[in-house]
C-alpha atoms as a PDB file:
ATOM      1  CA  UNK A   1     130.387 104.480 101.680  1.00  0.00           C
ATOM      2  CA  UNK A   2     126.808 105.037 102.140  1.00  0.00           C
ATOM      3  CA  UNK A   3     126.016 101.475 101.440  1.00  0.00           C
ATOM      4  CA  UNK A   4     128.638 100.309 104.068  1.00  0.00           C
ATOM      5  CA  UNK A   5     127.147 102.918 106.636  1.00  0.00           C
ATOM      6  CA  UNK A   6     123.652 101.513 105.945  1.00  0.00           C
ATOM      7  CA  UNK A   7     124.739  97.815 106.355  1.00  0.00           C
ATOM      8  CA  UNK A   8     126.385  98.695 109.651  1.00  0.00           C
ATOM      9  CA  UNK A   9     123.292 100.145 110.842  1.00  0.00           C
ATOM     10  CA  UNK A  10     121.484  96.868 110.081  1.00  0.00           C
ATOM     11  CA  UNK A  11     123.263  95.133 112.818  1.00  0.00           C
ATOM     12  CA  UNK A  12     122.252  97.647 115.379  1.00  0.00           C
ATOM     13  CA  UNK A  13     118.658  96.710 115.051  1.00  0.00           C
ATOM     14  CA  UNK A  14     117.432  94.804 117.963  1.00  0.00           C
ATOM     15  CA  UNK A  15     116.472  91.121 117.767  1.00  0.00           C
ATOM     16  CA  UNK A  16     112.794  92.319 117.697  1.00  0.00           C
ATOM     17  CA  UNK A  17     113.431  94.675 114.900  1.00  0.00           C
ATOM     18  CA  UNK A  18     114.943  92.256 112.567  1.00  0.00           C
ATOM     19  CA  UNK A  19     112.787  90.147 110.272  1.00  0.00           C
ATOM     20  CA  UNK A  20     113.872  86.499 110.194  1.00  0.00           C
ATOM     21  CA  UNK A  21     114.837  87.172 106.539  1.00  0.00           C
ATOM     22  CA  UNK A  22     117.128  89.985 107.306  1.00  0.00           C
ATOM     23  CA  UNK A  23     118.360  88.305 110.438  1.00  0.00           C
ATOM     24  CA  UNK A  24     119.516  85.070 108.636  1.00  0.00           C
ATOM     25  CA  UNK A  25     120.878  87.074 105.522  1.00  0.00           C
ATOM     26  CA  UNK A  26     123.138  89.096 108.091  1.00  0.00           C
ATOM     27  CA  UNK A  27     124.212  85.828 109.676  1.00  0.00           C
ATOM     28  CA  UNK A  28     124.900  84.408 106.468  1.00  0.00           C
ATOM     29  CA  UNK A  29     127.329  86.950 105.587  1.00  0.00           C
ATOM     30  CA  UNK A  30     129.048  86.727 108.835  1.00  0.00           C
ATOM     31  CA  UNK A  31     129.595  82.978 108.070  1.00  0.00           C
ATOM     32  CA  UNK A  32     130.941  83.298 104.491  1.00  0.00           C
ATOM     33  CA  UNK A  33     133.516  85.990 105.885  1.00  0.00           C
ATOM     34  CA  UNK A  34     134.482  83.493 108.573  1.00  0.00           C
ATOM     35  CA  UNK A  35     135.231  80.990 106.194  1.00  0.00           C
ATOM     36  CA  UNK A  36     136.524  82.641 102.919  1.00  0.00           C
ATOM     37  CA  UNK A  37     140.381  82.828 102.776  1.00  0.00           C
ATOM     38  CA  UNK A  38     141.638  86.431 102.896  1.00  0.00           C
ATOM     39  CA  UNK A  39     144.652  88.392 102.991  1.00  0.00           C
ATOM     40  CA  UNK A  40     146.266  90.897 105.533  1.00  0.00           C
ATOM     41  CA  UNK A  41     145.171  93.678 103.402  1.00  0.00           C
ATOM     42  CA  UNK A  42     141.629  92.767 103.828  1.00  0.00           C
ATOM     43  CA  UNK A  43     139.740  95.340 105.918  1.00  0.00           C
ATOM     44  CA  UNK A  44     138.771  93.912 109.505  1.00  0.00           C
ATOM     45  CA  UNK A  45     135.095  93.981 110.500  1.00  0.00           C
ATOM     46  CA  UNK A  46     135.533  93.856 114.219  1.00  0.00           C
ATOM     47  CA  UNK A  47     132.757  96.070 115.277  1.00  0.00           C
ATOM     48  CA  UNK A  48     130.603  94.598 112.846  1.00  0.00           C
ATOM     49  CA  UNK A  49     131.283  91.033 113.382  1.00  0.00           C
ATOM     50  CA  UNK A  50     130.888  91.420 117.113  1.00  0.00           C
ATOM     51  CA  UNK A  51     127.306  92.922 116.721  1.00  0.00           C
ATOM     52  CA  UNK A  52     126.612  90.058 114.403  1.00  0.00           C
ATOM     53  CA  UNK A  53     128.080  87.505 116.982  1.00  0.00           C
ATOM     54  CA  UNK A  54     125.545  88.722 119.466  1.00  0.00           C
ATOM     55  CA  UNK A  55     122.842  88.438 116.979  1.00  0.00           C
ATOM     56  CA  UNK A  56     124.062  84.833 116.469  1.00  0.00           C
ATOM     57  CA  UNK A  57     124.043  84.091 120.137  1.00  0.00           C
ATOM     58  CA  UNK A  58     120.515  85.242 120.646  1.00  0.00           C
ATOM     59  CA  UNK A  59     119.406  82.939 117.652  1.00  0.00           C
ATOM     60  CA  UNK A  60     121.022  79.974 118.917  1.00  0.00           C
ATOM     61  CA  UNK A  61     119.707  80.458 122.502  1.00  0.00           C
ATOM     62  CA  UNK A  62     116.034  80.828 120.898  1.00  0.00           C
ATOM     63  CA  UNK A  63     116.761  77.346 118.962  1.00  0.00           C
ATOM     64  CA  UNK A  64     118.088  75.787 122.017  1.00  0.00           C
ATOM     65  CA  UNK A  65     114.882  77.051 124.166  1.00  0.00           C
ATOM     66  CA  UNK A  66     112.565  75.604 121.624  1.00  0.00           C
ATOM     67  CA  UNK A  67     113.753  71.940 122.168  1.00  0.00           C
ATOM     68  CA  UNK A  68     114.900  72.138 125.770  1.00  0.00           C
ATOM     69  CA  UNK A  69     112.083  70.131 127.374  1.00  0.00           C
ATOM     70  CA  UNK A  70     112.480  67.209 124.917  1.00  0.00           C
ATOM     71  CA  UNK A  71     116.341  67.419 125.287  1.00  0.00           C
ATOM     72  CA  UNK A  72     115.927  66.867 129.017  1.00  0.00           C
ATOM     73  CA  UNK A  73     114.285  63.454 128.305  1.00  0.00           C
ATOM     74  CA  UNK A  74     117.441  62.031 126.984  1.00  0.00           C
ATOM     75  CA  UNK A  75     118.744  59.212 129.094  1.00  0.00           C
ATOM     76  CA  UNK A  76     122.102  59.600 130.601  1.00  0.00           C
ATOM     77  CA  UNK A  77     123.704  56.046 130.191  1.00  0.00           C
ATOM     78  CA  UNK A  78     125.803  55.753 127.033  1.00  0.00           C
ATOM     79  CA  UNK A  79     123.886  52.752 125.567  1.00  0.00           C
ATOM     80  CA  UNK A  80     120.236  54.066 126.548  1.00  0.00           C
ATOM     81  CA  UNK A  81     121.508  57.575 125.007  1.00  0.00           C
ATOM     82  CA  UNK A  82     122.692  56.055 121.686  1.00  0.00           C
ATOM     83  CA  UNK A  83     119.334  54.262 121.465  1.00  0.00           C
ATOM     84  CA  UNK A  84     117.400  57.476 122.156  1.00  0.00           C
ATOM     85  CA  UNK A  85     119.276  59.232 119.518  1.00  0.00           C
ATOM     86  CA  UNK A  86     118.756  56.693 116.936  1.00  0.00           C
ATOM     87  CA  UNK A  87     114.987  56.560 117.616  1.00  0.00           C
ATOM     88  CA  UNK A  88     114.927  60.336 116.309  1.00  0.00           C
ATOM     89  CA  UNK A  89     115.168  58.898 112.882  1.00  0.00           C
ATOM     90  CA  UNK A  90     111.717  57.986 113.348  1.00  0.00           C
ATOM     91  CA  UNK A  91     110.063  60.035 115.914  1.00  0.00           C
ATOM     92  CA  UNK A  92     112.391  63.370 115.640  1.00  0.00           C
ATOM     93  CA  UNK A  93     110.959  66.680 114.261  1.00  0.00           C
ATOM     94  CA  UNK A  94     110.329  66.790 110.465  1.00  0.00           C
ATOM     95  CA  UNK A  95     111.017  63.198 109.899  1.00  0.00           C
ATOM     96  CA  UNK A  96     109.272  61.423 107.062  1.00  0.00           C
ATOM     97  CA  UNK A  97     107.884  64.592 105.843  1.00  0.00           C
ATOM     98  CA  UNK A  98     105.364  63.846 102.849  1.00  0.00           C
ATOM     99  CA  UNK A  99     107.312  66.383 100.906  1.00  0.00           C
ATOM    100  CA  UNK A 100     109.859  63.721 100.005  1.00  0.00           C
ATOM    101  CA  UNK A 101     107.625  60.996  98.674  1.00  0.00           C
ATOM    102  CA  UNK A 102     106.006  63.778  96.582  1.00  0.00           C
ATOM    103  CA  UNK A 103     109.459  64.584  95.313  1.00  0.00           C
ATOM    104  CA  UNK A 104     110.129  61.128  94.671  1.00  0.00           C
ATOM    105  CA  UNK A 105     107.123  60.208  92.673  1.00  0.00           C
ATOM    106  CA  UNK A 106     105.052  63.361  91.534  1.00  0.00           C
ATOM    107  CA  UNK A 107     107.165  66.677  91.477  1.00  0.00           C
ATOM    108  CA  UNK A 108     107.700  68.189  88.018  1.00  0.00           C
ATOM    109  CA  UNK A 109     111.231  69.270  87.048  1.00  0.00           C
ATOM    110  CA  UNK A 110     110.334  72.910  87.873  1.00  0.00           C
ATOM    111  CA  UNK A 111     109.619  72.074  91.381  1.00  0.00           C
ATOM    112  CA  UNK A 112     112.549  70.038  91.855  1.00  0.00           C
ATOM    113  CA  UNK A 113     114.766  72.580  90.513  1.00  0.00           C
ATOM    114  CA  UNK A 114     113.305  75.108  93.026  1.00  0.00           C
ATOM    115  CA  UNK A 115     113.784  72.495  95.848  1.00  0.00           C
ATOM    116  CA  UNK A 116     117.364  71.862  94.864  1.00  0.00           C
ATOM    117  CA  UNK A 117     118.202  75.730  94.757  1.00  0.00           C
ATOM    118  CA  UNK A 118     116.926  76.156  98.225  1.00  0.00           C
ATOM    119  CA  UNK A 119     118.897  73.032  99.404  1.00  0.00           C
ATOM    120  CA  UNK A 120     122.199  74.377  97.650  1.00  0.00           C
ATOM    121  CA  UNK A 121     121.681  77.781  99.199  1.00  0.00           C
ATOM    122  CA  UNK A 122     121.404  76.125 102.590  1.00  0.00           C
ATOM    123  CA  UNK A 123     124.446  73.936 102.270  1.00  0.00           C
ATOM    124  CA  UNK A 124     126.897  74.829 104.888  1.00  0.00           C
ATOM    125  CA  UNK A 125     129.640  72.364 103.668  1.00  0.00           C
ATOM    126  CA  UNK A 126     129.690  69.072 105.731  1.00  0.00           C
ATOM    127  CA  UNK A 127     133.477  68.856 105.281  1.00  0.00           C
ATOM    128  CA  UNK A 128     134.054  72.405 106.835  1.00  0.00           C
ATOM    129  CA  UNK A 129     131.532  71.516 109.740  1.00  0.00           C
ATOM    130  CA  UNK A 130     133.376  68.435 110.585  1.00  0.00           C
ATOM    131  CA  UNK A 131     136.664  70.034 110.315  1.00  0.00           C
ATOM    132  CA  UNK A 132     135.591  72.857 112.755  1.00  0.00           C
ATOM    133  CA  UNK A 133     133.809  70.374 115.014  1.00  0.00           C
ATOM    134  CA  UNK A 134     136.744  68.118 115.560  1.00  0.00           C
ATOM    135  CA  UNK A 135     139.287  70.899 116.970  1.00  0.00           C
ATOM    136  CA  UNK A 136     140.690  69.403 120.196  1.00  0.00           C
ATOM    137  CA  UNK A 137     138.235  66.757 120.653  1.00  0.00           C
ATOM    138  CA  UNK A 138     139.349  63.403 122.483  1.00  0.00           C
ATOM    139  CA  UNK A 139     141.262  60.987 120.422  1.00  0.00           C
ATOM    140  CA  UNK A 140     138.478  58.305 119.682  1.00  0.00           C
ATOM    141  CA  UNK A 141     135.878  61.031 118.511  1.00  0.00           C
ATOM    142  CA  UNK A 142     138.718  62.940 116.706  1.00  0.00           C
ATOM    143  CA  UNK A 143     139.739  59.892 114.777  1.00  0.00           C
ATOM    144  CA  UNK A 144     136.128  59.114 113.605  1.00  0.00           C
ATOM    145  CA  UNK A 145     135.502  62.747 112.708  1.00  0.00           C
ATOM    146  CA  UNK A 146     138.769  62.484 110.574  1.00  0.00           C
ATOM    147  CA  UNK A 147     137.626  59.484 108.866  1.00  0.00           C
ATOM    148  CA  UNK A 148     134.177  61.248 108.161  1.00  0.00           C
ATOM    149  CA  UNK A 149     136.137  64.216 106.608  1.00  0.00           C
ATOM    150  CA  UNK A 150     138.387  62.029 104.650  1.00  0.00           C
ATOM    151  CA  UNK A 151     135.325  60.362 102.967  1.00  0.00           C
ATOM    152  CA  UNK A 152     133.961  64.079 102.336  1.00  0.00           C
ATOM    153  CA  UNK A 153     137.109  64.630 100.481  1.00  0.00           C
ATOM    154  CA  UNK A 154     136.792  61.621  98.360  1.00  0.00           C
ATOM    155  CA  UNK A 155     139.407  59.702 100.151  1.00  0.00           C
ATOM    156  CA  UNK A 156     142.020  62.119  98.232  1.00  0.00           C
ATOM    157  CA  UNK A 157     140.562  62.151  94.684  1.00  0.00           C
ATOM    158  CA  UNK A 158     138.713  65.168  93.420  1.00  0.00           C
ATOM    159  CA  UNK A 159     136.198  63.354  91.373  1.00  0.00           C
ATOM    160  CA  UNK A 160     135.083  61.503  94.762  1.00  0.00           C
ATOM    161  CA  UNK A 161     134.739  64.707  96.691  1.00  0.00           C
ATOM    162  CA  UNK A 162     131.101  65.332  97.856  1.00  0.00           C
ATOM    163  CA  UNK A 163     130.855  69.203  97.681  1.00  0.00           C
ATOM    164  CA  UNK A 164     131.650  69.109  93.871  1.00  0.00           C
ATOM    165  CA  UNK A 165     129.087  66.476  93.168  1.00  0.00           C
ATOM    166  CA  UNK A 166     126.488  68.902  94.223  1.00  0.00           C
ATOM    167  CA  UNK A 167     128.195  71.338  91.585  1.00  0.00           C
ATOM    168  CA  UNK A 168     127.649  68.766  88.830  1.00  0.00           C
ATOM    169  CA  UNK A 169     124.044  68.403  89.575  1.00  0.00           C
ATOM    170  CA  UNK A 170     123.614  72.346  89.643  1.00  0.00           C
ATOM    171  CA  UNK A 171     125.458  72.477  86.436  1.00  0.00           C
ATOM    172  CA  UNK A 172     123.233  70.001  84.511  1.00  0.00           C
ATOM    173  CA  UNK A 173     120.011  71.523  85.956  1.00  0.00           C
ATOM    174  CA  UNK A 174     121.220  75.179  85.472  1.00  0.00           C
ATOM    175  CA  UNK A 175     120.550  75.734  89.175  1.00  0.00           C
ATOM    176  CA  UNK A 176     121.275  79.230  90.299  1.00  0.00           C
ATOM    177  CA  UNK A 177     120.314  79.838  94.105  1.00  0.00           C
ATOM    178  CA  UNK A 178     122.034  83.301  93.755  1.00  0.00           C
ATOM    179  CA  UNK A 179     119.527  84.794  91.213  1.00  0.00           C
ATOM    180  CA  UNK A 180     116.113  83.219  92.809  1.00  0.00           C
ATOM    181  CA  UNK A 181     114.608  83.994  95.924  1.00  0.00           C
ATOM    182  CA  UNK A 182     115.885  81.739  98.900  1.00  0.00           C
ATOM    183  CA  UNK A 183     113.446  81.329 101.815  1.00  0.00           C
ATOM    184  CA  UNK A 184     114.883  82.337 105.153  1.00  0.00           C
ATOM    185  CA  UNK A 185     114.264  78.939 106.729  1.00  0.00           C
ATOM    186  CA  UNK A 186     116.853  77.508 104.375  1.00  0.00           C
ATOM    187  CA  UNK A 187     119.518  79.968 105.014  1.00  0.00           C
ATOM    188  CA  UNK A 188     118.777  79.439 108.850  1.00  0.00           C
ATOM    189  CA  UNK A 189     119.526  75.902 108.688  1.00  0.00           C
ATOM    190  CA  UNK A 190     123.038  76.670 107.220  1.00  0.00           C
ATOM    191  CA  UNK A 191     123.451  79.364 109.959  1.00  0.00           C
ATOM    192  CA  UNK A 192     122.470  77.148 112.642  1.00  0.00           C
ATOM    193  CA  UNK A 193     124.921  74.567 111.746  1.00  0.00           C
ATOM    194  CA  UNK A 194     127.907  76.922 111.067  1.00  0.00           C
ATOM    195  CA  UNK A 195     126.973  78.735 114.421  1.00  0.00           C
ATOM    196  CA  UNK A 196     127.368  75.467 116.494  1.00  0.00           C
ATOM    197  CA  UNK A 197     130.621  74.266 114.754  1.00  0.00           C
ATOM    198  CA  UNK A 198     132.440  77.616 114.785  1.00  0.00           C
ATOM    199  CA  UNK A 199     131.742  78.627 118.185  1.00  0.00           C
ATOM    200  CA  UNK A 200     133.535  76.232 120.580  1.00  0.00           C
ATOM    201  CA  UNK A 201     130.955  76.540 123.514  1.00  0.00           C
ATOM    202  CA  UNK A 202     128.795  74.712 121.233  1.00  0.00           C
ATOM    203  CA  UNK A 203     131.207  72.034 120.047  1.00  0.00           C
ATOM    204  CA  UNK A 204     129.039  69.136 121.494  1.00  0.00           C
ATOM    205  CA  UNK A 205     125.739  70.793 120.222  1.00  0.00           C
ATOM    206  CA  UNK A 206     127.658  70.448 116.779  1.00  0.00           C
ATOM    207  CA  UNK A 207     128.499  66.716 117.379  1.00  0.00           C
ATOM    208  CA  UNK A 208     124.586  66.245 117.968  1.00  0.00           C
ATOM    209  CA  UNK A 209     123.727  68.162 114.913  1.00  0.00           C
ATOM    210  CA  UNK A 210     126.011  66.669 112.453  1.00  0.00           C
ATOM    211  CA  UNK A 211     125.293  63.055 114.002  1.00  0.00           C
ATOM    212  CA  UNK A 212     121.529  63.958 113.334  1.00  0.00           C
ATOM    213  CA  UNK A 213     122.543  64.618 109.743  1.00  0.00           C
ATOM    214  CA  UNK A 214     124.174  61.335 109.323  1.00  0.00           C
ATOM    215  CA  UNK A 215     121.286  59.633 111.009  1.00  0.00           C
ATOM    216  CA  UNK A 216     118.366  61.161 109.025  1.00  0.00           C
ATOM    217  CA  UNK A 217     119.714  62.037 105.501  1.00  0.00           C
ATOM    218  CA  UNK A 218     119.861  58.438 103.937  1.00  0.00           C
ATOM    219  CA  UNK A 219     115.956  58.062 103.688  1.00  0.00           C
ATOM    220  CA  UNK A 220     115.417  61.582 102.404  1.00  0.00           C
ATOM    221  CA  UNK A 221     118.541  61.351  99.867  1.00  0.00           C
ATOM    222  CA  UNK A 222     117.179  58.133  98.351  1.00  0.00           C
ATOM    223  CA  UNK A 223     113.808  59.749  97.748  1.00  0.00           C
ATOM    224  CA  UNK A 224     115.176  62.952  96.013  1.00  0.00           C
ATOM    225  CA  UNK A 225     117.609  60.500  94.031  1.00  0.00           C
ATOM    226  CA  UNK A 226     114.403  58.681  92.831  1.00  0.00           C
ATOM    227  CA  UNK A 227     112.718  61.725  91.787  1.00  0.00           C
ATOM    228  CA  UNK A 228     115.759  62.923  89.824  1.00  0.00           C
ATOM    229  CA  UNK A 229     115.912  59.598  88.207  1.00  0.00           C
ATOM    230  CA  UNK A 230     112.308  59.782  87.393  1.00  0.00           C
ATOM    231  CA  UNK A 231     112.970  63.032  85.687  1.00  0.00           C
ATOM    232  CA  UNK A 232     115.791  61.845  83.358  1.00  0.00           C
ATOM    233  CA  UNK A 233     118.605  63.371  85.458  1.00  0.00           C
ATOM    234  CA  UNK A 234     121.907  61.658  84.805  1.00  0.00           C
ATOM    235  CA  UNK A 235     123.289  59.297  86.883  1.00  0.00           C
ATOM    236  CA  UNK A 236     126.785  61.537  87.203  1.00  0.00           C
ATOM    237  CA  UNK A 237     124.511  64.438  88.437  1.00  0.00           C
ATOM    238  CA  UNK A 238     122.601  62.308  90.664  1.00  0.00           C
ATOM    239  CA  UNK A 239     125.656  60.794  92.347  1.00  0.00           C
ATOM    240  CA  UNK A 240     125.580  63.094  95.443  1.00  0.00           C
ATOM    241  CA  UNK A 241     122.183  61.990  96.507  1.00  0.00           C
ATOM    242  CA  UNK A 242     122.798  58.321  95.612  1.00  0.00           C
ATOM    243  CA  UNK A 243     125.956  58.238  97.604  1.00  0.00           C
ATOM    244  CA  UNK A 244     124.388  59.921 100.664  1.00  0.00           C
ATOM    245  CA  UNK A 245     121.501  57.548 100.723  1.00  0.00           C
ATOM    246  CA  UNK A 246     124.165  54.680 101.463  1.00  0.00           C
ATOM    247  CA  UNK A 247     127.234  56.120 102.904  1.00  0.00           C
ATOM    248  CA  UNK A 248     125.651  58.023 105.646  1.00  0.00           C
ATOM    249  CA  UNK A 249     124.138  54.858 107.205  1.00  0.00           C
ATOM    250  CA  UNK A 250     127.549  53.702 107.728  1.00  0.00           C
ATOM    251  CA  UNK A 251     128.791  57.221 109.044  1.00  0.00           C
ATOM    252  CA  UNK A 252     125.914  57.104 111.370  1.00  0.00           C
ATOM    253  CA  UNK A 253     126.663  53.812 112.793  1.00  0.00           C
ATOM    254  CA  UNK A 254     130.185  54.811 113.374  1.00  0.00           C
ATOM    255  CA  UNK A 255     129.343  58.085 114.697  1.00  0.00           C
ATOM    256  CA  UNK A 256     127.183  56.585 117.400  1.00  0.00           C
ATOM    257  CA  UNK A 257     129.954  54.049 118.394  1.00  0.00           C
ATOM    258  CA  UNK A 258     133.034  56.187 118.048  1.00  0.00           C
ATOM    259  CA  UNK A 259     131.808  59.686 118.694  1.00  0.00           C
ATOM    260  CA  UNK A 260     128.558  59.856 120.495  1.00  0.00           C
ATOM    261  CA  UNK A 261     129.125  56.842 123.001  1.00  0.00           C
ATOM    262  CA  UNK A 262     132.681  57.691 124.230  1.00  0.00           C
ATOM    263  CA  UNK A 263     131.598  61.325 124.830  1.00  0.00           C
ATOM    264  CA  UNK A 264     128.524  60.475 126.941  1.00  0.00           C
ATOM    265  CA  UNK A 265     130.647  57.750 128.771  1.00  0.00           C
ATOM    266  CA  UNK A 266     133.161  60.415 129.595  1.00  0.00           C
ATOM    267  CA  UNK A 267     130.657  62.970 131.022  1.00  0.00           C
ATOM    268  CA  UNK A 268     126.987  62.371 131.111  1.00  0.00           C
ATOM    269  CA  UNK A 269     126.336  66.326 130.823  1.00  0.00           C
ATOM    270  CA  UNK A 270     127.671  65.957 127.471  1.00  0.00           C
ATOM    271  CA  UNK A 271     124.711  63.947 126.265  1.00  0.00           C
ATOM    272  CA  UNK A 272     122.319  66.620 127.238  1.00  0.00           C
ATOM    273  CA  UNK A 273     124.323  68.879 124.988  1.00  0.00           C
ATOM    274  CA  UNK A 274     124.421  66.285 122.149  1.00  0.00           C
ATOM    275  CA  UNK A 275     120.709  65.855 122.520  1.00  0.00           C
ATOM    276  CA  UNK A 276     120.246  69.748 122.234  1.00  0.00           C
ATOM    277  CA  UNK A 277     122.089  69.811 118.981  1.00  0.00           C
ATOM    278  CA  UNK A 278     120.385  66.980 117.503  1.00  0.00           C
ATOM    279  CA  UNK A 279     116.914  68.288 118.200  1.00  0.00           C
ATOM    280  CA  UNK A 280     117.898  71.891 116.974  1.00  0.00           C
ATOM    281  CA  UNK A 281     119.105  70.335 113.625  1.00  0.00           C
ATOM    282  CA  UNK A 282     116.040  68.436 113.378  1.00  0.00           C
ATOM    283  CA  UNK A 283     113.718  71.297 114.335  1.00  0.00           C
ATOM    284  CA  UNK A 284     115.150  73.500 111.881  1.00  0.00           C
ATOM    285  CA  UNK A 285     114.729  70.832 109.165  1.00  0.00           C
ATOM    286  CA  UNK A 286     111.311  70.514 109.956  1.00  0.00           C
ATOM    287  CA  UNK A 287     110.607  74.326 109.781  1.00  0.00           C
ATOM    288  CA  UNK A 288     112.213  74.314 106.556  1.00  0.00           C
ATOM    289  CA  UNK A 289     110.225  71.146 104.987  1.00  0.00           C
ATOM    290  CA  UNK A 290     106.875  72.977 105.966  1.00  0.00           C
ATOM    291  CA  UNK A 291     108.090  76.290 104.195  1.00  0.00           C
ATOM    292  CA  UNK A 292     108.854  74.135 101.108  1.00  0.00           C
ATOM    293  CA  UNK A 293     105.606  72.695 101.143  1.00  0.00           C
ATOM    294  CA  UNK A 294     103.769  76.011 101.358  1.00  0.00           C
ATOM    295  CA  UNK A 295     105.829  77.242  98.498  1.00  0.00           C
ATOM    296  CA  UNK A 296     105.506  74.140  96.331  1.00  0.00           C
ATOM    297  CA  UNK A 297     101.952  73.323  97.374  1.00  0.00           C
ATOM    298  CA  UNK A 298     102.217  69.671  96.482  1.00  0.00           C
ATOM    299  CA  UNK A 299      99.156  67.475  96.311  1.00  0.00           C
ATOM    300  CA  UNK A 300      99.272  64.428  98.414  1.00  0.00           C
END
């Protein structure tokens, strides 16, 4: 009982009193509870979740403010907007960070394992994020989101599901993100994606954030897969990264054509929110990669 009361007090702290680490561990708790199947016998957390939702809103607004000026530069016509979004693969925050070339060519197994444990801890589950984002979307975007979700589900075959592929990698390398210290920046990345996807007022931000993932992940995945192969990790365990180095390029093309473009054509204001979401995701990634470099201290 004393533990429960203490944790309740944690959420009463003001934004300024919460360290980034404490803030994001609280939000991670909220997001786990939002998604975990429960029963009517499960105690409700109305008061606590309300306070955590307020903390989440302040976090999301700070992330928006950090990229607002750049997002305002996004064009409003559909074709120009898509071209601007695609340009983020080269010029967006955190793109082509030297960390990934180092992982591909020089990192030892201990460093690779540390990196992967951080990544696993921040994994929000792309399948669930897409499922949350597609709710009540227009038909064309909804259909593409559904196709994307079906790919994440291995088109109906368990051995092709993307989530369990990470599990096979974790098993072979004995990864255990629960037992090792996880940097707050990694947890924040998952909290950002879940906050945008779960809250419908950020639905278009979530479209932009997930679109940014599809756009920018292939290059990083290819380099991680290269590093895993160099370190002798089996092809079965590397499959998640090998697959996403290829399939996300196709997803990105379809996402731009059937999700982004129709939404911006429908209402130019949506483009601003999509732009914010994309930049928020990339900025969170930049912050995470920089923290990884400080921890791993690679030599370039």
